[in-house]
């Protein structure tokens, strides 16, 4: 009596909301006006001039940046690039079924888009505060949040090795951690060691980019 759906990637909106939720950033408020999340600079200049007035894209501030994707402002002539890359509809015509593609650009969005980098840092802070006192427990904590299961021995070993590499890198390049922390509007927890936080951020980003995190099935 058990049935199973085919393995499919979550929609663009669901991926963003899922990542915000596991990091703890998601604003769960229901209803209200639209918001404007992160978007690459200059995108609207294709259509709107610098003196665009009310039509100039101005990012939301504070908790509004992390509202569900349902409330994101959408202009059909300039759709959000990250959403389009993840196969969201352009909304300029009726779409019966969304296409499902698999491109390198999608991985680059999950690795480099400010929303996902910031969410990785916040998830890293949660790993350190709530995940336990040692690296393995923290990795298991984040992995389970993202995928609903614990990593196997091989997966855990590879993530621990990656963590050790990142600790070595950021201990030698402290300015790199500051550059990483500058992404996103949410404040950085000053009580956490920068090297540990940067290394955990890379681990969190890696987990967020796993197929199991962004797929259902």
C-alpha atoms as a PDB file:
ATOM      1  CA  UNK A   1       0.000   0.000   0.000  1.00  0.00           C
ATOM      2  CA  UNK A   2       2.996   2.287  -0.111  1.00  0.00           C
ATOM      3  CA  UNK A   3       3.421   4.556  -3.106  1.00  0.00           C
ATOM      4  CA  UNK A   4       6.266   6.831  -4.058  1.00  0.00           C
ATOM      5  CA  UNK A   5       6.513   9.926  -6.211  1.00  0.00           C
ATOM      6  CA  UNK A   6       9.257  10.275  -8.789  1.00  0.00           C
ATOM      7  CA  UNK A   7      12.342  12.161  -7.637  1.00  0.00           C
ATOM      8  CA  UNK A   8      11.935  15.769  -8.714  1.00  0.00           C
ATOM      9  CA  UNK A   9      13.625  19.021  -7.756  1.00  0.00           C
ATOM     10  CA  UNK A  10      11.589  21.410  -5.635  1.00  0.00           C
ATOM     11  CA  UNK A  11      10.263  24.494  -7.365  1.00  0.00           C
ATOM     12  CA  UNK A  12      12.318  27.688  -7.229  1.00  0.00           C
ATOM     13  CA  UNK A  13      10.046  29.175  -4.576  1.00  0.00           C
ATOM     14  CA  UNK A  14      10.106  26.015  -2.464  1.00  0.00           C
ATOM     15  CA  UNK A  15      13.901  25.771  -2.579  1.00  0.00           C
ATOM     16  CA  UNK A  16      14.291  29.336  -1.302  1.00  0.00           C
ATOM     17  CA  UNK A  17      11.668  28.891   1.417  1.00  0.00           C
ATOM     18  CA  UNK A  18      13.126  25.534   2.479  1.00  0.00           C
ATOM     19  CA  UNK A  19      16.623  26.953   2.840  1.00  0.00           C
ATOM     20  CA  UNK A  20      15.342  29.974   4.774  1.00  0.00           C
ATOM     21  CA  UNK A  21      13.331  27.663   7.027  1.00  0.00           C
ATOM     22  CA  UNK A  22      16.163  25.303   7.959  1.00  0.00           C
ATOM     23  CA  UNK A  23      18.468  28.251   8.639  1.00  0.00           C
ATOM     24  CA  UNK A  24      15.894  29.933  10.865  1.00  0.00           C
ATOM     25  CA  UNK A  25      15.642  33.072   8.719  1.00  0.00           C
ATOM     26  CA  UNK A  26      12.184  32.452   7.274  1.00  0.00           C
ATOM     27  CA  UNK A  27       9.609  35.121   8.117  1.00  0.00           C
ATOM     28  CA  UNK A  28       6.417  33.125   8.685  1.00  0.00           C
ATOM     29  CA  UNK A  29       4.077  36.112   8.686  1.00  0.00           C
ATOM     30  CA  UNK A  30       0.961  35.515   6.586  1.00  0.00           C
ATOM     31  CA  UNK A  31      -0.589  38.228   4.439  1.00  0.00           C
ATOM     32  CA  UNK A  32       0.455  41.782   3.821  1.00  0.00           C
ATOM     33  CA  UNK A  33       2.128  43.707   0.984  1.00  0.00           C
ATOM     34  CA  UNK A  34       4.782  42.377  -1.360  1.00  0.00           C
ATOM     35  CA  UNK A  35       8.482  42.542  -0.492  1.00  0.00           C
ATOM     36  CA  UNK A  36      11.645  42.863  -2.544  1.00  0.00           C
ATOM     37  CA  UNK A  37      14.322  40.264  -1.693  1.00  0.00           C
ATOM     38  CA  UNK A  38      17.924  40.301  -2.895  1.00  0.00           C
ATOM     39  CA  UNK A  39      18.443  40.824  -6.600  1.00  0.00           C
ATOM     40  CA  UNK A  40      21.601  41.459  -8.635  1.00  0.00           C
ATOM     41  CA  UNK A  41      22.471  45.114  -9.004  1.00  0.00           C
ATOM     42  CA  UNK A  42      21.714  46.716 -12.330  1.00  0.00           C
ATOM     43  CA  UNK A  43      19.146  44.170 -13.513  1.00  0.00           C
ATOM     44  CA  UNK A  44      16.349  46.731 -13.583  1.00  0.00           C
ATOM     45  CA  UNK A  45      18.504  49.235 -15.485  1.00  0.00           C
ATOM     46  CA  UNK A  46      17.662  47.314 -18.654  1.00  0.00           C
ATOM     47  CA  UNK A  47      14.106  48.639 -18.422  1.00  0.00           C
ATOM     48  CA  UNK A  48      14.116  51.429 -15.817  1.00  0.00           C
ATOM     49  CA  UNK A  49      16.496  54.381 -15.787  1.00  0.00           C
ATOM     50  CA  UNK A  50      18.475  55.507 -12.741  1.00  0.00           C
ATOM     51  CA  UNK A  51      15.746  58.069 -12.071  1.00  0.00           C
ATOM     52  CA  UNK A  52      13.083  55.415 -12.126  1.00  0.00           C
ATOM     53  CA  UNK A  53      11.289  56.815  -9.099  1.00  0.00           C
ATOM     54  CA  UNK A  54       8.841  54.355  -7.589  1.00  0.00           C
ATOM     55  CA  UNK A  55       9.761  51.803 -10.263  1.00  0.00           C
ATOM     56  CA  UNK A  56      13.404  51.629  -9.182  1.00  0.00           C
ATOM     57  CA  UNK A  57      14.210  48.372  -7.406  1.00  0.00           C
ATOM     58  CA  UNK A  58      14.819  48.974  -3.722  1.00  0.00           C
ATOM     59  CA  UNK A  59      15.505  45.903  -1.614  1.00  0.00           C
ATOM     60  CA  UNK A  60      13.383  45.397   1.463  1.00  0.00           C
ATOM     61  CA  UNK A  61      14.991  45.757   4.868  1.00  0.00           C
ATOM     62  CA  UNK A  62      15.061  43.721   8.032  1.00  0.00           C
ATOM     63  CA  UNK A  63      12.752  40.734   8.442  1.00  0.00           C
ATOM     64  CA  UNK A  64      10.927  41.541   5.191  1.00  0.00           C
ATOM     65  CA  UNK A  65      13.914  40.208   3.251  1.00  0.00           C
ATOM     66  CA  UNK A  66      13.071  36.718   4.452  1.00  0.00           C
ATOM     67  CA  UNK A  67       9.366  36.485   3.748  1.00  0.00           C
ATOM     68  CA  UNK A  68       8.048  33.503   1.812  1.00  0.00           C
ATOM     69  CA  UNK A  69       8.674  33.654  -1.922  1.00  0.00           C
ATOM     70  CA  UNK A  70       4.924  33.943  -2.421  1.00  0.00           C
ATOM     71  CA  UNK A  71       5.217  37.587  -1.346  1.00  0.00           C
ATOM     72  CA  UNK A  72       8.188  38.498  -3.531  1.00  0.00           C
ATOM     73  CA  UNK A  73       7.643  41.397  -5.920  1.00  0.00           C
ATOM     74  CA  UNK A  74       7.597  40.152  -9.492  1.00  0.00           C
ATOM     75  CA  UNK A  75       7.756  42.274 -12.602  1.00  0.00           C
ATOM     76  CA  UNK A  76       7.103  40.289 -15.737  1.00  0.00           C
ATOM     77  CA  UNK A  77       9.449  42.350 -17.883  1.00  0.00           C
ATOM     78  CA  UNK A  78      12.278  41.823 -15.354  1.00  0.00           C
ATOM     79  CA  UNK A  79      11.715  38.497 -13.537  1.00  0.00           C
ATOM     80  CA  UNK A  80      14.063  37.594 -10.638  1.00  0.00           C
ATOM     81  CA  UNK A  81      17.144  35.946 -12.228  1.00  0.00           C
ATOM     82  CA  UNK A  82      17.626  33.338  -9.488  1.00  0.00           C
ATOM     83  CA  UNK A  83      14.021  32.194  -9.795  1.00  0.00           C
ATOM     84  CA  UNK A  84      14.177  31.967 -13.576  1.00  0.00           C
ATOM     85  CA  UNK A  85      17.436  30.021 -13.374  1.00  0.00           C
ATOM     86  CA  UNK A  86      15.666  27.487 -11.147  1.00  0.00           C
ATOM     87  CA  UNK A  87      12.887  27.102 -13.740  1.00  0.00           C
ATOM     88  CA  UNK A  88      10.231  29.417 -12.319  1.00  0.00           C
ATOM     89  CA  UNK A  89       7.695  30.648 -14.847  1.00  0.00           C
ATOM     90  CA  UNK A  90       8.312  34.084 -16.343  1.00  0.00           C
ATOM     91  CA  UNK A  91       4.571  34.795 -15.822  1.00  0.00           C
ATOM     92  CA  UNK A  92       4.243  36.557 -19.166  1.00  0.00           C
ATOM     93  CA  UNK A  93       2.083  33.714 -20.464  1.00  0.00           C
ATOM     94  CA  UNK A  94       0.068  30.812 -19.096  1.00  0.00           C
ATOM     95  CA  UNK A  95       2.228  27.848 -18.062  1.00  0.00           C
ATOM     96  CA  UNK A  96       0.463  24.504 -17.698  1.00  0.00           C
ATOM     97  CA  UNK A  97       3.555  22.708 -16.410  1.00  0.00           C
ATOM     98  CA  UNK A  98       6.986  24.057 -15.557  1.00  0.00           C
ATOM     99  CA  UNK A  99      10.001  22.692 -17.340  1.00  0.00           C
ATOM    100  CA  UNK A 100      12.588  20.877 -15.250  1.00  0.00           C
ATOM    101  CA  UNK A 101      16.161  21.497 -16.326  1.00  0.00           C
ATOM    102  CA  UNK A 102      19.492  20.669 -14.759  1.00  0.00           C
ATOM    103  CA  UNK A 103      22.204  23.234 -15.492  1.00  0.00           C
ATOM    104  CA  UNK A 104      25.484  24.402 -13.905  1.00  0.00           C
ATOM    105  CA  UNK A 105      23.923  27.853 -13.409  1.00  0.00           C
ATOM    106  CA  UNK A 106      21.492  26.373 -10.907  1.00  0.00           C
ATOM    107  CA  UNK A 107      24.359  25.119  -8.753  1.00  0.00           C
ATOM    108  CA  UNK A 108      26.045  28.511  -9.037  1.00  0.00           C
ATOM    109  CA  UNK A 109      22.879  30.203  -7.771  1.00  0.00           C
ATOM    110  CA  UNK A 110      22.740  27.932  -4.712  1.00  0.00           C
ATOM    111  CA  UNK A 111      26.439  28.484  -4.059  1.00  0.00           C
ATOM    112  CA  UNK A 112      26.723  32.222  -4.669  1.00  0.00           C
ATOM    113  CA  UNK A 113      23.354  33.983  -4.487  1.00  0.00           C
ATOM    114  CA  UNK A 114      23.385  36.301  -1.412  1.00  0.00           C
ATOM    115  CA  UNK A 115      20.200  34.716  -0.073  1.00  0.00           C
ATOM    116  CA  UNK A 116      21.767  31.258   0.036  1.00  0.00           C
ATOM    117  CA  UNK A 117      25.195  32.399   1.254  1.00  0.00           C
ATOM    118  CA  UNK A 118      23.569  34.330   4.085  1.00  0.00           C
ATOM    119  CA  UNK A 119      21.303  31.400   4.943  1.00  0.00           C
ATOM    120  CA  UNK A 120      24.387  29.152   5.063  1.00  0.00           C
ATOM    121  CA  UNK A 121      26.014  31.492   7.591  1.00  0.00           C
ATOM    122  CA  UNK A 122      22.913  31.610   9.772  1.00  0.00           C
ATOM    123  CA  UNK A 123      22.622  27.815   9.600  1.00  0.00           C
ATOM    124  CA  UNK A 124      26.303  27.634  10.604  1.00  0.00           C
ATOM    125  CA  UNK A 125      25.573  29.762  13.668  1.00  0.00           C
ATOM    126  CA  UNK A 126      22.740  27.397  14.554  1.00  0.00           C
ATOM    127  CA  UNK A 127      25.065  24.403  14.108  1.00  0.00           C
ATOM    128  CA  UNK A 128      27.542  25.866  16.577  1.00  0.00           C
ATOM    129  CA  UNK A 129      24.942  26.970  19.125  1.00  0.00           C
ATOM    130  CA  UNK A 130      22.538  24.047  18.975  1.00  0.00           C
ATOM    131  CA  UNK A 131      24.306  21.218  17.165  1.00  0.00           C
ATOM    132  CA  UNK A 132      26.591  20.026  19.935  1.00  0.00           C
ATOM    133  CA  UNK A 133      30.130  20.510  21.161  1.00  0.00           C
ATOM    134  CA  UNK A 134      32.020  18.631  18.446  1.00  0.00           C
ATOM    135  CA  UNK A 135      32.242  18.889  14.670  1.00  0.00           C
ATOM    136  CA  UNK A 136      30.579  15.568  13.877  1.00  0.00           C
ATOM    137  CA  UNK A 137      27.496  16.341  15.966  1.00  0.00           C
ATOM    138  CA  UNK A 138      27.177  19.767  14.351  1.00  0.00           C
ATOM    139  CA  UNK A 139      27.398  18.319  10.850  1.00  0.00           C
ATOM    140  CA  UNK A 140      24.820  15.635  11.675  1.00  0.00           C
ATOM    141  CA  UNK A 141      22.549  18.336  13.103  1.00  0.00           C
ATOM    142  CA  UNK A 142      22.650  20.450   9.923  1.00  0.00           C
ATOM    143  CA  UNK A 143      22.451  17.438   7.603  1.00  0.00           C
ATOM    144  CA  UNK A 144      19.346  16.162   9.342  1.00  0.00           C
ATOM    145  CA  UNK A 145      17.692  19.597   9.233  1.00  0.00           C
ATOM    146  CA  UNK A 146      18.213  19.789   5.485  1.00  0.00           C
ATOM    147  CA  UNK A 147      17.516  16.205   4.405  1.00  0.00           C
ATOM    148  CA  UNK A 148      15.505  14.647   7.274  1.00  0.00           C
ATOM    149  CA  UNK A 149      18.088  11.921   7.750  1.00  0.00           C
ATOM    150  CA  UNK A 150      21.508  11.456   9.282  1.00  0.00           C
ATOM    151  CA  UNK A 151      24.591  11.243   7.023  1.00  0.00           C
ATOM    152  CA  UNK A 152      26.145   7.837   6.523  1.00  0.00           C
ATOM    153  CA  UNK A 153      29.744   7.113   7.525  1.00  0.00           C
ATOM    154  CA  UNK A 154      31.195   8.080   4.145  1.00  0.00           C
ATOM    155  CA  UNK A 155      29.225  11.324   3.902  1.00  0.00           C
ATOM    156  CA  UNK A 156      30.112  12.319   7.440  1.00  0.00           C
ATOM    157  CA  UNK A 157      33.793  11.564   6.856  1.00  0.00           C
ATOM    158  CA  UNK A 158      33.924  13.703   3.715  1.00  0.00           C
ATOM    159  CA  UNK A 159      32.207  16.622   5.439  1.00  0.00           C
ATOM    160  CA  UNK A 160      34.552  16.395   8.418  1.00  0.00           C
ATOM    161  CA  UNK A 161      37.536  16.414   6.040  1.00  0.00           C
ATOM    162  CA  UNK A 162      36.086  19.456   4.266  1.00  0.00           C
ATOM    163  CA  UNK A 163      35.606  21.205   7.604  1.00  0.00           C
ATOM    164  CA  UNK A 164      39.249  20.578   8.552  1.00  0.00           C
ATOM    165  CA  UNK A 165      40.398  21.979   5.201  1.00  0.00           C
ATOM    166  CA  UNK A 166      38.293  25.098   5.656  1.00  0.00           C
ATOM    167  CA  UNK A 167      39.538  25.656   9.205  1.00  0.00           C
ATOM    168  CA  UNK A 168      43.097  25.532   7.907  1.00  0.00           C
ATOM    169  CA  UNK A 169      42.264  27.935   5.070  1.00  0.00           C
ATOM    170  CA  UNK A 170      40.406  30.531   7.117  1.00  0.00           C
ATOM    171  CA  UNK A 171      42.949  30.440   9.935  1.00  0.00           C
ATOM    172  CA  UNK A 172      45.579  31.458   7.366  1.00  0.00           C
ATOM    173  CA  UNK A 173      43.266  33.898   5.522  1.00  0.00           C
ATOM    174  CA  UNK A 174      41.206  35.724   8.181  1.00  0.00           C
ATOM    175  CA  UNK A 175      40.258  38.445   5.719  1.00  0.00           C
ATOM    176  CA  UNK A 176      38.451  35.816   3.623  1.00  0.00           C
ATOM    177  CA  UNK A 177      36.088  35.048   6.494  1.00  0.00           C
ATOM    178  CA  UNK A 178      35.238  38.742   6.839  1.00  0.00           C
ATOM    179  CA  UNK A 179      34.466  38.909   3.138  1.00  0.00           C
ATOM    180  CA  UNK A 180      32.212  35.875   3.501  1.00  0.00           C
ATOM    181  CA  UNK A 181      30.398  37.418   6.475  1.00  0.00           C
ATOM    182  CA  UNK A 182      29.782  40.668   4.592  1.00  0.00           C
ATOM    183  CA  UNK A 183      27.207  38.955   2.383  1.00  0.00           C
ATOM    184  CA  UNK A 184      23.645  39.536   3.554  1.00  0.00           C
ATOM    185  CA  UNK A 185      22.001  42.046   5.867  1.00  0.00           C
ATOM    186  CA  UNK A 186      21.670  39.891   8.980  1.00  0.00           C
ATOM    187  CA  UNK A 187      24.254  40.633  11.700  1.00  0.00           C
ATOM    188  CA  UNK A 188      27.099  38.252  12.460  1.00  0.00           C
ATOM    189  CA  UNK A 189      27.248  36.720  15.942  1.00  0.00           C
ATOM    190  CA  UNK A 190      30.393  38.297  17.374  1.00  0.00           C
ATOM    191  CA  UNK A 191      30.614  35.700  20.153  1.00  0.00           C
ATOM    192  CA  UNK A 192      31.456  32.905  17.698  1.00  0.00           C
ATOM    193  CA  UNK A 193      35.013  32.374  16.527  1.00  0.00           C
ATOM    194  CA  UNK A 194      35.352  33.627  12.948  1.00  0.00           C
ATOM    195  CA  UNK A 195      37.355  30.640  11.730  1.00  0.00           C
ATOM    196  CA  UNK A 196      34.889  28.106  13.093  1.00  0.00           C
ATOM    197  CA  UNK A 197      31.925  30.071  11.772  1.00  0.00           C
ATOM    198  CA  UNK A 198      33.423  30.426   8.293  1.00  0.00           C
ATOM    199  CA  UNK A 199      34.252  26.718   8.123  1.00  0.00           C
ATOM    200  CA  UNK A 200      30.742  25.777   9.272  1.00  0.00           C
ATOM    201  CA  UNK A 201      29.299  28.181   6.698  1.00  0.00           C
ATOM    202  CA  UNK A 202      31.035  26.255   3.926  1.00  0.00           C
ATOM    203  CA  UNK A 203      29.735  22.983   5.375  1.00  0.00           C
ATOM    204  CA  UNK A 204      26.210  24.415   5.550  1.00  0.00           C
ATOM    205  CA  UNK A 205      26.474  25.646   1.955  1.00  0.00           C
ATOM    206  CA  UNK A 206      27.628  22.195   0.850  1.00  0.00           C
ATOM    207  CA  UNK A 207      24.680  20.539   2.590  1.00  0.00           C
ATOM    208  CA  UNK A 208      22.253  23.049   1.083  1.00  0.00           C
ATOM    209  CA  UNK A 209      23.601  22.120  -2.366  1.00  0.00           C
ATOM    210  CA  UNK A 210      23.001  18.399  -1.932  1.00  0.00           C
ATOM    211  CA  UNK A 211      20.469  16.812  -4.275  1.00  0.00           C
ATOM    212  CA  UNK A 212      18.515  15.530  -1.283  1.00  0.00           C
ATOM    213  CA  UNK A 213      18.097  19.066   0.053  1.00  0.00           C
ATOM    214  CA  UNK A 214      16.560  20.497  -3.115  1.00  0.00           C
ATOM    215  CA  UNK A 215      14.708  17.430  -4.378  1.00  0.00           C
ATOM    216  CA  UNK A 216      11.626  15.517  -3.284  1.00  0.00           C
ATOM    217  CA  UNK A 217      10.863  11.907  -3.830  1.00  0.00           C
END
